[in-house]
Amino acid sequence: MFQKYSSGGDGMKVFISVDMEGISGIVDSNQTDRDHKEFEKARAMMAADVNAAIEGILELGHAEVVVSDGHGKMINIEPEALNQAAVLIRGTPKPLSQMAGIDSSFDATIFIG
């Protein structure tokens, strides 16, 4: 069952779907493999890319940001590693997979990875 971590907010509402392949620094499939030694570093790079996007959104003004972890088992971003201004949706199974949590209330969608 997926878990949703929330910190609240109002104003512009942005949905971010993130997958590990294609983010900054990911250049080899071993990095995206949970059983490989490079995986923990890749998780940190994934969180850093998402946090950079969140910070950019927040620079534009007050916003509610929802992040859906979409890589593998969808438990890659630790809640403590994510900017606390965002809501994190993680785990499986998730209805709509990488897009779990999106609805017509969002003003924008960003895909990372």
PDB file of N, CA and C in Angstrom:
ATOM      1  N   MET A   1       0.828  -1.180   0.000  1.00  0.00           N
ATOM      2  CA  MET A   1       0.000   0.000   0.000  1.00  0.00           C
ATOM      3  C   MET A   1       0.875   1.247   0.000  1.00  0.00           C
ATOM      4  N   PHE A   2       0.531   2.219  -0.815  1.00  0.00           N
ATOM      5  CA  PHE A   2       1.354   3.419  -0.862  1.00  0.00           C
ATOM      6  C   PHE A   2       1.081   4.304   0.342  1.00  0.00           C
ATOM      7  N   GLN A   3       2.062   5.145   0.663  1.00  0.00           N
ATOM      8  CA  GLN A   3       1.958   6.044   1.801  1.00  0.00           C
ATOM      9  C   GLN A   3       2.036   7.477   1.306  1.00  0.00           C
ATOM     10  N   LYS A   4       1.302   8.353   1.936  1.00  0.00           N
ATOM     11  CA  LYS A   4       1.321   9.762   1.585  1.00  0.00           C
ATOM     12  C   LYS A   4       1.777  10.546   2.814  1.00  0.00           C
ATOM     13  N   TYR A   5       2.819  11.360   2.650  1.00  0.00           N
ATOM     14  CA  TYR A   5       3.337  12.194   3.722  1.00  0.00           C
ATOM     15  C   TYR A   5       3.011  13.634   3.375  1.00  0.00           C
ATOM     16  N   SER A   6       2.344  14.354   4.251  1.00  0.00           N
ATOM     17  CA  SER A   6       1.867  15.687   3.933  1.00  0.00           C
ATOM     18  C   SER A   6       2.382  16.731   4.915  1.00  0.00           C
ATOM     19  N   SER A   7       2.642  17.919   4.403  1.00  0.00           N
ATOM     20  CA  SER A   7       2.987  19.041   5.267  1.00  0.00           C
ATOM     21  C   SER A   7       2.058  20.230   5.044  1.00  0.00           C
ATOM     22  N   GLY A   8       1.057  20.073   4.200  1.00  0.00           N
ATOM     23  CA  GLY A   8       0.048  21.110   4.005  1.00  0.00           C
ATOM     24  C   GLY A   8       0.456  22.205   3.041  1.00  0.00           C
ATOM     25  N   GLY A   9      -0.413  23.217   2.877  1.00  0.00           N
ATOM     26  CA  GLY A   9      -0.131  24.350   2.010  1.00  0.00           C
ATOM     27  C   GLY A   9      -1.348  24.723   1.172  1.00  0.00           C
ATOM     28  N   ASP A  10      -1.311  25.910   0.560  1.00  0.00           N
ATOM     29  CA  ASP A  10      -2.368  26.333  -0.334  1.00  0.00           C
ATOM     30  C   ASP A  10      -1.752  27.222  -1.403  1.00  0.00           C
ATOM     31  N   GLY A  11      -2.557  27.705  -2.353  1.00  0.00           N
ATOM     32  CA  GLY A  11      -2.042  28.513  -3.451  1.00  0.00           C
ATOM     33  C   GLY A  11      -1.900  27.645  -4.685  1.00  0.00           C
ATOM     34  N   MET A  12      -0.922  27.949  -5.532  1.00  0.00           N
ATOM     35  CA  MET A  12      -0.681  27.160  -6.739  1.00  0.00           C
ATOM     36  C   MET A  12      -0.385  25.713  -6.344  1.00  0.00           C
ATOM     37  N   LYS A  13      -0.894  24.784  -7.145  1.00  0.00           N
ATOM     38  CA  LYS A  13      -0.723  23.364  -6.829  1.00  0.00           C
ATOM     39  C   LYS A  13       0.032  22.691  -7.974  1.00  0.00           C
ATOM     40  N   VAL A  14       1.193  22.065  -7.641  1.00  0.00           N
ATOM     41  CA  VAL A  14       2.075  21.465  -8.647  1.00  0.00           C
ATOM     42  C   VAL A  14       2.304  20.000  -8.308  1.00  0.00           C
ATOM     43  N   PHE A  15       2.178  19.142  -9.311  1.00  0.00           N
ATOM     44  CA  PHE A  15       2.418  17.705  -9.170  1.00  0.00           C
ATOM     45  C   PHE A  15       3.747  17.379  -9.838  1.00  0.00           C
ATOM     46  N   ILE A  16       4.632  16.673  -9.116  1.00  0.00           N
ATOM     47  CA  ILE A  16       5.915  16.238  -9.671  1.00  0.00           C
ATOM     48  C   ILE A  16       5.950  14.719  -9.672  1.00  0.00           C
ATOM     49  N   SER A  17       6.162  14.137 -10.848  1.00  0.00           N
ATOM     50  CA  SER A  17       6.373  12.698 -10.979  1.00  0.00           C
ATOM     51  C   SER A  17       7.855  12.489 -11.249  1.00  0.00           C
ATOM     52  N   VAL A  18       8.504  11.631 -10.434  1.00  0.00           N
ATOM     53  CA  VAL A  18       9.942  11.454 -10.572  1.00  0.00           C
ATOM     54  C   VAL A  18      10.313   9.979 -10.712  1.00  0.00           C
ATOM     55  N   ASP A  19      11.172   9.716 -11.677  1.00  0.00           N
ATOM     56  CA  ASP A  19      11.735   8.386 -11.888  1.00  0.00           C
ATOM     57  C   ASP A  19      13.249   8.541 -11.822  1.00  0.00           C
ATOM     58  N   MET A  20      13.945   7.480 -11.509  1.00  0.00           N
ATOM     59  CA  MET A  20      15.387   7.588 -11.308  1.00  0.00           C
ATOM     60  C   MET A  20      16.161   7.671 -12.630  1.00  0.00           C
ATOM     61  N   GLU A  21      15.738   6.924 -13.636  1.00  0.00           N
ATOM     62  CA  GLU A  21      16.452   6.971 -14.908  1.00  0.00           C
ATOM     63  C   GLU A  21      16.317   8.370 -15.511  1.00  0.00           C
ATOM     64  N   GLY A  22      17.441   8.932 -15.893  1.00  0.00           N
ATOM     65  CA  GLY A  22      17.430  10.229 -16.555  1.00  0.00           C
ATOM     66  C   GLY A  22      17.695  11.416 -15.644  1.00  0.00           C
ATOM     67  N   ILE A  23      17.813  11.201 -14.328  1.00  0.00           N
ATOM     68  CA  ILE A  23      18.093  12.329 -13.456  1.00  0.00           C
ATOM     69  C   ILE A  23      19.586  12.636 -13.458  1.00  0.00           C
ATOM     70  N   SER A  24      19.961  13.744 -12.845  1.00  0.00           N
ATOM     71  CA  SER A  24      21.354  14.170 -12.802  1.00  0.00           C
ATOM     72  C   SER A  24      22.253  13.086 -12.233  1.00  0.00           C
ATOM     73  N   GLY A  25      23.312  12.745 -12.956  1.00  0.00           N
ATOM     74  CA  GLY A  25      24.307  11.804 -12.474  1.00  0.00           C
ATOM     75  C   GLY A  25      24.026  10.338 -12.717  1.00  0.00           C
ATOM     76  N   ILE A  26      22.840   9.984 -13.173  1.00  0.00           N
ATOM     77  CA  ILE A  26      22.522   8.574 -13.441  1.00  0.00           C
ATOM     78  C   ILE A  26      22.957   8.267 -14.865  1.00  0.00           C
ATOM     79  N   VAL A  27      24.005   7.432 -14.982  1.00  0.00           N
ATOM     80  CA  VAL A  27      24.568   7.137 -16.295  1.00  0.00           C
ATOM     81  C   VAL A  27      24.690   5.634 -16.562  1.00  0.00           C
ATOM     82  N   ASP A  28      24.296   4.812 -15.578  1.00  0.00           N
ATOM     83  CA  ASP A  28      24.447   3.369 -15.717  1.00  0.00           C
ATOM     84  C   ASP A  28      23.303   2.676 -14.998  1.00  0.00           C
ATOM     85  N   SER A  29      22.824   1.574 -15.557  1.00  0.00           N
ATOM     86  CA  SER A  29      21.693   0.861 -14.956  1.00  0.00           C
ATOM     87  C   SER A  29      22.011   0.301 -13.572  1.00  0.00           C
ATOM     88  N   ASN A  30      23.285   0.073 -13.255  1.00  0.00           N
ATOM     89  CA  ASN A  30      23.639  -0.388 -11.904  1.00  0.00           C
ATOM     90  C   ASN A  30      23.228   0.625 -10.835  1.00  0.00           C
ATOM     91  N   GLN A  31      23.247   1.891 -11.193  1.00  0.00           N
ATOM     92  CA  GLN A  31      22.896   2.927 -10.231  1.00  0.00           C
ATOM     93  C   GLN A  31      21.427   2.871  -9.819  1.00  0.00           C
ATOM     94  N   THR A  32      20.597   2.329 -10.677  1.00  0.00           N
ATOM     95  CA  THR A  32      19.160   2.275 -10.402  1.00  0.00           C
ATOM     96  C   THR A  32      18.722   0.935  -9.823  1.00  0.00           C
ATOM     97  N   ASP A  33      19.678   0.066  -9.554  1.00  0.00           N
ATOM     98  CA  ASP A  33      19.413  -1.274  -9.031  1.00  0.00           C
ATOM     99  C   ASP A  33      19.576  -1.271  -7.518  1.00  0.00           C
ATOM    100  N   ARG A  34      18.500  -1.552  -6.816  1.00  0.00           N
ATOM    101  CA  ARG A  34      18.474  -1.539  -5.348  1.00  0.00           C
ATOM    102  C   ARG A  34      19.569  -2.411  -4.726  1.00  0.00           C
ATOM    103  N   ASP A  35      20.008  -3.458  -5.420  1.00  0.00           N
ATOM    104  CA  ASP A  35      21.011  -4.373  -4.890  1.00  0.00           C
ATOM    105  C   ASP A  35      22.454  -3.969  -5.205  1.00  0.00           C
ATOM    106  N   HIS A  36      22.646  -2.870  -5.892  1.00  0.00           N
ATOM    107  CA  HIS A  36      23.988  -2.430  -6.281  1.00  0.00           C
ATOM    108  C   HIS A  36      24.503  -1.374  -5.306  1.00  0.00           C
ATOM    109  N   LYS A  37      25.806  -1.332  -5.116  1.00  0.00           N
ATOM    110  CA  LYS A  37      26.417  -0.397  -4.160  1.00  0.00           C
ATOM    111  C   LYS A  37      26.199   1.070  -4.518  1.00  0.00           C
ATOM    112  N   GLU A  38      25.938   1.371  -5.783  1.00  0.00           N
ATOM    113  CA  GLU A  38      25.737   2.756  -6.230  1.00  0.00           C
ATOM    114  C   GLU A  38      24.327   3.275  -5.934  1.00  0.00           C
ATOM    115  N   PHE A  39      23.425   2.397  -5.525  1.00  0.00           N
ATOM    116  CA  PHE A  39      22.021   2.767  -5.391  1.00  0.00           C
ATOM    117  C   PHE A  39      21.780   3.863  -4.357  1.00  0.00           C
ATOM    118  N   GLU A  40      22.416   3.785  -3.198  1.00  0.00           N
ATOM    119  CA  GLU A  40      22.182   4.795  -2.158  1.00  0.00           C
ATOM    120  C   GLU A  40      22.577   6.190  -2.636  1.00  0.00           C
ATOM    121  N   LYS A  41      23.676   6.271  -3.365  1.00  0.00           N
ATOM    122  CA  LYS A  41      24.093   7.566  -3.916  1.00  0.00           C
ATOM    123  C   LYS A  41      23.056   8.057  -4.931  1.00  0.00           C
ATOM    124  N   ALA A  42      22.528   7.135  -5.740  1.00  0.00           N
ATOM    125  CA  ALA A  42      21.511   7.503  -6.727  1.00  0.00           C
ATOM    126  C   ALA A  42      20.239   8.007  -6.052  1.00  0.00           C
ATOM    127  N   ARG A  43      19.870   7.397  -4.941  1.00  0.00           N
ATOM    128  CA  ARG A  43      18.698   7.867  -4.178  1.00  0.00           C
ATOM    129  C   ARG A  43      18.906   9.308  -3.730  1.00  0.00           C
ATOM    130  N   ALA A  44      20.109   9.614  -3.276  1.00  0.00           N
ATOM    131  CA  ALA A  44      20.411  10.978  -2.837  1.00  0.00           C
ATOM    132  C   ALA A  44      20.341  11.954  -4.015  1.00  0.00           C
ATOM    133  N   MET A  45      20.838  11.533  -5.181  1.00  0.00           N
ATOM    134  CA  MET A  45      20.782  12.397  -6.369  1.00  0.00           C
ATOM    135  C   MET A  45      19.331  12.616  -6.796  1.00  0.00           C
ATOM    136  N   MET A  46      18.500  11.581  -6.667  1.00  0.00           N
ATOM    137  CA  MET A  46      17.081  11.699  -7.008  1.00  0.00           C
ATOM    138  C   MET A  46      16.409  12.737  -6.100  1.00  0.00           C
ATOM    139  N   ALA A  47      16.654  12.644  -4.816  1.00  0.00           N
ATOM    140  CA  ALA A  47      16.075  13.607  -3.876  1.00  0.00           C
ATOM    141  C   ALA A  47      16.584  15.017  -4.157  1.00  0.00           C
ATOM    142  N   ALA A  48      17.854  15.145  -4.502  1.00  0.00           N
ATOM    143  CA  ALA A  48      18.427  16.469  -4.786  1.00  0.00           C
ATOM    144  C   ALA A  48      17.771  17.101  -6.010  1.00  0.00           C
ATOM    145  N   ASP A  49      17.542  16.320  -7.062  1.00  0.00           N
ATOM    146  CA  ASP A  49      16.881  16.853  -8.259  1.00  0.00           C
ATOM    147  C   ASP A  49      15.461  17.311  -7.937  1.00  0.00           C
ATOM    148  N   VAL A  50      14.738  16.510  -7.174  1.00  0.00           N
ATOM    149  CA  VAL A  50      13.369  16.871  -6.811  1.00  0.00           C
ATOM    150  C   VAL A  50      13.368  18.118  -5.928  1.00  0.00           C
ATOM    151  N   ASN A  51      14.278  18.170  -4.968  1.00  0.00           N
ATOM    152  CA  ASN A  51      14.341  19.340  -4.096  1.00  0.00           C
ATOM    153  C   ASN A  51      14.687  20.611  -4.863  1.00  0.00           C
ATOM    154  N   ALA A  52      15.526  20.500  -5.871  1.00  0.00           N
ATOM    155  CA  ALA A  52      15.845  21.666  -6.704  1.00  0.00           C
ATOM    156  C   ALA A  52      14.588  22.167  -7.416  1.00  0.00           C
ATOM    157  N   ALA A  53      13.783  21.235  -7.925  1.00  0.00           N
ATOM    158  CA  ALA A  53      12.530  21.623  -8.592  1.00  0.00           C
ATOM    159  C   ALA A  53      11.576  22.274  -7.588  1.00  0.00           C
ATOM    160  N   ILE A  54      11.468  21.701  -6.405  1.00  0.00           N
ATOM    161  CA  ILE A  54      10.586  22.257  -5.371  1.00  0.00           C
ATOM    162  C   ILE A  54      11.032  23.670  -5.005  1.00  0.00           C
ATOM    163  N   GLU A  55      12.327  23.868  -4.810  1.00  0.00           N
ATOM    164  CA  GLU A  55      12.840  25.188  -4.461  1.00  0.00           C
ATOM    165  C   GLU A  55      12.543  26.208  -5.554  1.00  0.00           C
ATOM    166  N   GLY A  56      12.663  25.781  -6.815  1.00  0.00           N
ATOM    167  CA  GLY A  56      12.342  26.671  -7.922  1.00  0.00           C
ATOM    168  C   GLY A  56      10.872  27.053  -7.937  1.00  0.00           C
ATOM    169  N   ILE A  57      10.015  26.089  -7.659  1.00  0.00           N
ATOM    170  CA  ILE A  57       8.567  26.357  -7.601  1.00  0.00           C
ATOM    171  C   ILE A  57       8.272  27.335  -6.476  1.00  0.00           C
ATOM    172  N   LEU A  58       8.858  27.103  -5.314  1.00  0.00           N
ATOM    173  CA  LEU A  58       8.586  27.959  -4.152  1.00  0.00           C
ATOM    174  C   LEU A  58       9.122  29.368  -4.332  1.00  0.00           C
ATOM    175  N   GLU A  59      10.169  29.543  -5.139  1.00  0.00           N
ATOM    176  CA  GLU A  59      10.680  30.889  -5.424  1.00  0.00           C
ATOM    177  C   GLU A  59       9.655  31.727  -6.181  1.00  0.00           C
ATOM    178  N   LEU A  60       8.734  31.058  -6.873  1.00  0.00           N
ATOM    179  CA  LEU A  60       7.697  31.768  -7.624  1.00  0.00           C
ATOM    180  C   LEU A  60       6.560  32.242  -6.733  1.00  0.00           C
ATOM    181  N   GLY A  61       6.508  31.766  -5.519  1.00  0.00           N
ATOM    182  CA  GLY A  61       5.452  32.144  -4.579  1.00  0.00           C
ATOM    183  C   GLY A  61       4.969  30.927  -3.819  1.00  0.00           C
ATOM    184  N   HIS A  62       3.971  31.146  -2.969  1.00  0.00           N
ATOM    185  CA  HIS A  62       3.447  30.056  -2.149  1.00  0.00           C
ATOM    186  C   HIS A  62       2.798  29.001  -3.050  1.00  0.00           C
ATOM    187  N   ALA A  63       3.128  27.750  -2.809  1.00  0.00           N
ATOM    188  CA  ALA A  63       2.603  26.665  -3.635  1.00  0.00           C
ATOM    189  C   ALA A  63       2.457  25.400  -2.810  1.00  0.00           C
ATOM    190  N   GLU A  64       1.522  24.568  -3.220  1.00  0.00           N
ATOM    191  CA  GLU A  64       1.407  23.214  -2.689  1.00  0.00           C
ATOM    192  C   GLU A  64       2.070  22.304  -3.716  1.00  0.00           C
ATOM    193  N   VAL A  65       3.006  21.483  -3.266  1.00  0.00           N
ATOM    194  CA  VAL A  65       3.743  20.598  -4.162  1.00  0.00           C
ATOM    195  C   VAL A  65       3.538  19.160  -3.714  1.00  0.00           C
ATOM    196  N   VAL A  66       3.149  18.316  -4.672  1.00  0.00           N
ATOM    197  CA  VAL A  66       2.977  16.887  -4.420  1.00  0.00           C
ATOM    198  C   VAL A  66       3.995  16.143  -5.277  1.00  0.00           C
ATOM    199  N   VAL A  67       4.754  15.232  -4.660  1.00  0.00           N
ATOM    200  CA  VAL A  67       5.776  14.460  -5.356  1.00  0.00           C
ATOM    201  C   VAL A  67       5.386  12.993  -5.322  1.00  0.00           C
ATOM    202  N   SER A  68       5.366  12.361  -6.494  1.00  0.00           N
ATOM    203  CA  SER A  68       5.106  10.929  -6.587  1.00  0.00           C
ATOM    204  C   SER A  68       6.391  10.220  -6.985  1.00  0.00           C
ATOM    205  N   ASP A  69       6.901   9.371  -6.078  1.00  0.00           N
ATOM    206  CA  ASP A  69       8.095   8.560  -6.317  1.00  0.00           C
ATOM    207  C   ASP A  69       7.692   7.456  -7.284  1.00  0.00           C
ATOM    208  N   GLY A  70       8.318   7.420  -8.459  1.00  0.00           N
ATOM    209  CA  GLY A  70       7.895   6.499  -9.498  1.00  0.00           C
ATOM    210  C   GLY A  70       8.920   5.471  -9.931  1.00  0.00           C
ATOM    211  N   HIS A  71       9.999   5.287  -9.184  1.00  0.00           N
ATOM    212  CA  HIS A  71      11.022   4.330  -9.610  1.00  0.00           C
ATOM    213  C   HIS A  71      10.871   3.002  -8.880  1.00  0.00           C
ATOM    214  N   GLY A  72      10.884   1.902  -9.642  1.00  0.00           N
ATOM    215  CA  GLY A  72      10.881   0.560  -9.068  1.00  0.00           C
ATOM    216  C   GLY A  72       9.740   0.325  -8.105  1.00  0.00           C
ATOM    217  N   LYS A  73      10.069   0.023  -6.853  1.00  0.00           N
ATOM    218  CA  LYS A  73       9.054  -0.205  -5.828  1.00  0.00           C
ATOM    219  C   LYS A  73       8.480   1.101  -5.280  1.00  0.00           C
ATOM    220  N   MET A  74       8.957   2.202  -5.806  1.00  0.00           N
ATOM    221  CA  MET A  74       8.453   3.541  -5.490  1.00  0.00           C
ATOM    222  C   MET A  74       8.658   3.908  -4.022  1.00  0.00           C
ATOM    223  N   ILE A  75       9.811   3.459  -3.456  1.00  0.00           N
ATOM    224  CA  ILE A  75      10.180   3.805  -2.076  1.00  0.00           C
ATOM    225  C   ILE A  75      11.624   4.304  -2.044  1.00  0.00           C
ATOM    226  N   ASN A  76      11.960   5.152  -2.972  1.00  0.00           N
ATOM    227  CA  ASN A  76      13.337   5.619  -3.125  1.00  0.00           C
ATOM    228  C   ASN A  76      13.625   6.904  -2.378  1.00  0.00           C
ATOM    229  N   ILE A  77      12.694   7.812  -2.369  1.00  0.00           N
ATOM    230  CA  ILE A  77      12.886   9.081  -1.672  1.00  0.00           C
ATOM    231  C   ILE A  77      12.445   8.893  -0.228  1.00  0.00           C
ATOM    232  N   GLU A  78      13.377   9.114   0.683  1.00  0.00           N
ATOM    233  CA  GLU A  78      13.028   9.061   2.099  1.00  0.00           C
ATOM    234  C   GLU A  78      12.300  10.355   2.458  1.00  0.00           C
ATOM    235  N   PRO A  79      11.221  10.274   3.214  1.00  0.00           N
ATOM    236  CA  PRO A  79      10.482  11.497   3.569  1.00  0.00           C
ATOM    237  C   PRO A  79      11.373  12.575   4.187  1.00  0.00           C
ATOM    238  N   GLU A  80      12.364  12.171   4.986  1.00  0.00           N
ATOM    239  CA  GLU A  80      13.255  13.142   5.631  1.00  0.00           C
ATOM    240  C   GLU A  80      14.163  13.856   4.634  1.00  0.00           C
ATOM    241  N   ALA A  81      14.392  13.249   3.468  1.00  0.00           N
ATOM    242  CA  ALA A  81      15.284  13.832   2.465  1.00  0.00           C
ATOM    243  C   ALA A  81      14.573  14.839   1.572  1.00  0.00           C
ATOM    244  N   LEU A  82      13.251  14.831   1.599  1.00  0.00           N
ATOM    245  CA  LEU A  82      12.475  15.705   0.726  1.00  0.00           C
ATOM    246  C   LEU A  82      12.194  17.039   1.414  1.00  0.00           C
ATOM    247  N   ASN A  83      12.251  18.111   0.629  1.00  0.00           N
ATOM    248  CA  ASN A  83      11.879  19.429   1.128  1.00  0.00           C
ATOM    249  C   ASN A  83      10.534  19.311   1.846  1.00  0.00           C
ATOM    250  N   GLN A  84      10.473  19.754   3.077  1.00  0.00           N
ATOM    251  CA  GLN A  84       9.275  19.572   3.901  1.00  0.00           C
ATOM    252  C   GLN A  84       8.079  20.393   3.431  1.00  0.00           C
ATOM    253  N   ALA A  85       8.268  21.249   2.429  1.00  0.00           N
ATOM    254  CA  ALA A  85       7.153  21.985   1.854  1.00  0.00           C
ATOM    255  C   ALA A  85       6.310  21.096   0.939  1.00  0.00           C
ATOM    256  N   ALA A  86       6.798  19.907   0.626  1.00  0.00           N
ATOM    257  CA  ALA A  86       6.111  19.023  -0.324  1.00  0.00           C
ATOM    258  C   ALA A  86       5.406  17.869   0.375  1.00  0.00           C
ATOM    259  N   VAL A  87       4.450  17.300  -0.343  1.00  0.00           N
ATOM    260  CA  VAL A  87       3.765  16.077   0.043  1.00  0.00           C
ATOM    261  C   VAL A  87       4.414  14.956  -0.766  1.00  0.00           C
ATOM    262  N   LEU A  88       4.759  13.851  -0.124  1.00  0.00           N
ATOM    263  CA  LEU A  88       5.384  12.722  -0.807  1.00  0.00           C
ATOM    264  C   LEU A  88       4.422  11.543  -0.864  1.00  0.00           C
ATOM    265  N   ILE A  89       4.256  11.002  -2.072  1.00  0.00           N
ATOM    266  CA  ILE A  89       3.473   9.782  -2.260  1.00  0.00           C
ATOM    267  C   ILE A  89       4.458   8.702  -2.679  1.00  0.00           C
ATOM    268  N   ARG A  90       4.522   7.611  -1.910  1.00  0.00           N
ATOM    269  CA  ARG A  90       5.504   6.559  -2.185  1.00  0.00           C
ATOM    270  C   ARG A  90       4.915   5.205  -1.841  1.00  0.00           C
ATOM    271  N   GLY A  91       5.569   4.154  -2.374  1.00  0.00           N
ATOM    272  CA  GLY A  91       5.152   2.781  -2.108  1.00  0.00           C
ATOM    273  C   GLY A  91       4.258   2.225  -3.199  1.00  0.00           C
ATOM    274  N   THR A  92       4.009   0.925  -3.118  1.00  0.00           N
ATOM    275  CA  THR A  92       3.134   0.250  -4.074  1.00  0.00           C
ATOM    276  C   THR A  92       2.178  -0.654  -3.322  1.00  0.00           C
ATOM    277  N   PRO A  93       1.067  -1.027  -3.927  1.00  0.00           N
ATOM    278  CA  PRO A  93       0.621  -0.580  -5.247  1.00  0.00           C
ATOM    279  C   PRO A  93       0.061   0.838  -5.185  1.00  0.00           C
ATOM    280  N   LYS A  94       0.190   1.541  -6.297  1.00  0.00           N
ATOM    281  CA  LYS A  94      -0.338   2.894  -6.394  1.00  0.00           C
ATOM    282  C   LYS A  94      -1.253   2.960  -7.606  1.00  0.00           C
ATOM    283  N   PRO A  95      -2.492   3.344  -7.396  1.00  0.00           N
ATOM    284  CA  PRO A  95      -3.345   3.579  -8.564  1.00  0.00           C
ATOM    285  C   PRO A  95      -2.684   4.645  -9.436  1.00  0.00           C
ATOM    286  N   LEU A  96      -2.650   4.472 -10.694  1.00  0.00           N
ATOM    287  CA  LEU A  96      -2.033   5.380 -11.667  1.00  0.00           C
ATOM    288  C   LEU A  96      -0.505   5.366 -11.608  1.00  0.00           C
ATOM    289  N   SER A  97       0.087   4.442 -10.869  1.00  0.00           N
ATOM    290  CA  SER A  97       1.532   4.251 -10.807  1.00  0.00           C
ATOM    291  C   SER A  97       2.256   5.558 -10.517  1.00  0.00           C
ATOM    292  N   GLN A  98       3.075   6.036 -11.441  1.00  0.00           N
ATOM    293  CA  GLN A  98       3.865   7.250 -11.224  1.00  0.00           C
ATOM    294  C   GLN A  98       3.013   8.505 -11.100  1.00  0.00           C
ATOM    295  N   MET A  99       1.788   8.425 -11.502  1.00  0.00           N
ATOM    296  CA  MET A  99       0.910   9.597 -11.456  1.00  0.00           C
ATOM    297  C   MET A  99      -0.084   9.526 -10.294  1.00  0.00           C
ATOM    298  N   ALA A 100       0.133   8.626  -9.351  1.00  0.00           N
ATOM    299  CA  ALA A 100      -0.764   8.482  -8.203  1.00  0.00           C
ATOM    300  C   ALA A 100      -0.879   9.793  -7.452  1.00  0.00           C
ATOM    301  N   GLY A 101      -2.098  10.219  -7.226  1.00  0.00           N
ATOM    302  CA  GLY A 101      -2.359  11.446  -6.487  1.00  0.00           C
ATOM    303  C   GLY A 101      -2.768  12.619  -7.341  1.00  0.00           C
ATOM    304  N   ILE A 102      -2.614  12.516  -8.660  1.00  0.00           N
ATOM    305  CA  ILE A 102      -2.973  13.645  -9.517  1.00  0.00           C
ATOM    306  C   ILE A 102      -4.490  13.692  -9.703  1.00  0.00           C
ATOM    307  N   ASP A 103      -4.990  14.904  -9.807  1.00  0.00           N
ATOM    308  CA  ASP A 103      -6.400  15.107 -10.127  1.00  0.00           C
ATOM    309  C   ASP A 103      -6.541  16.481 -10.794  1.00  0.00           C
ATOM    310  N   SER A 104      -7.766  16.886 -11.034  1.00  0.00           N
ATOM    311  CA  SER A 104      -8.000  18.128 -11.774  1.00  0.00           C
ATOM    312  C   SER A 104      -7.716  19.387 -10.957  1.00  0.00           C
ATOM    313  N   SER A 105      -7.352  19.256  -9.687  1.00  0.00           N
ATOM    314  CA  SER A 105      -7.060  20.434  -8.869  1.00  0.00           C
ATOM    315  C   SER A 105      -5.657  21.003  -9.087  1.00  0.00           C
ATOM    316  N   PHE A 106      -4.807  20.300  -9.839  1.00  0.00           N
ATOM    317  CA  PHE A 106      -3.426  20.747 -10.049  1.00  0.00           C
ATOM    318  C   PHE A 106      -3.357  21.793 -11.156  1.00  0.00           C
ATOM    319  N   ASP A 107      -2.469  22.763 -10.944  1.00  0.00           N
ATOM    320  CA  ASP A 107      -2.238  23.821 -11.930  1.00  0.00           C
ATOM    321  C   ASP A 107      -1.130  23.459 -12.904  1.00  0.00           C
ATOM    322  N   ALA A 108      -0.208  22.569 -12.491  1.00  0.00           N
ATOM    323  CA  ALA A 108       0.935  22.205 -13.345  1.00  0.00           C
ATOM    324  C   ALA A 108       1.434  20.824 -12.968  1.00  0.00           C
ATOM    325  N   THR A 109       2.087  20.186 -13.933  1.00  0.00           N
ATOM    326  CA  THR A 109       2.722  18.887 -13.717  1.00  0.00           C
ATOM    327  C   THR A 109       4.148  18.960 -14.243  1.00  0.00           C
ATOM    328  N   ILE A 110       5.086  18.389 -13.465  1.00  0.00           N
ATOM    329  CA  ILE A 110       6.489  18.346 -13.862  1.00  0.00           C
ATOM    330  C   ILE A 110       6.934  16.902 -13.815  1.00  0.00           C
ATOM    331  N   PHE A 111       7.664  16.476 -14.846  1.00  0.00           N
ATOM    332  CA  PHE A 111       8.223  15.126 -14.886  1.00  0.00           C
ATOM    333  C   PHE A 111       9.743  15.242 -14.774  1.00  0.00           C
ATOM    334  N   ILE A 112      10.296  14.517 -13.806  1.00  0.00           N
ATOM    335  CA  ILE A 112      11.741  14.505 -13.618  1.00  0.00           C
ATOM    336  C   ILE A 112      12.228  13.084 -13.832  1.00  0.00           C
ATOM    337  N   GLY A 113      13.224  12.908 -14.705  1.00  0.00           N
ATOM    338  CA  GLY A 113      13.738  11.571 -15.004  1.00  0.00           C
ATOM    339  C   GLY A 113      12.999  10.923 -16.121  1.00  0.00           C
TER     340      GLY A 113
END
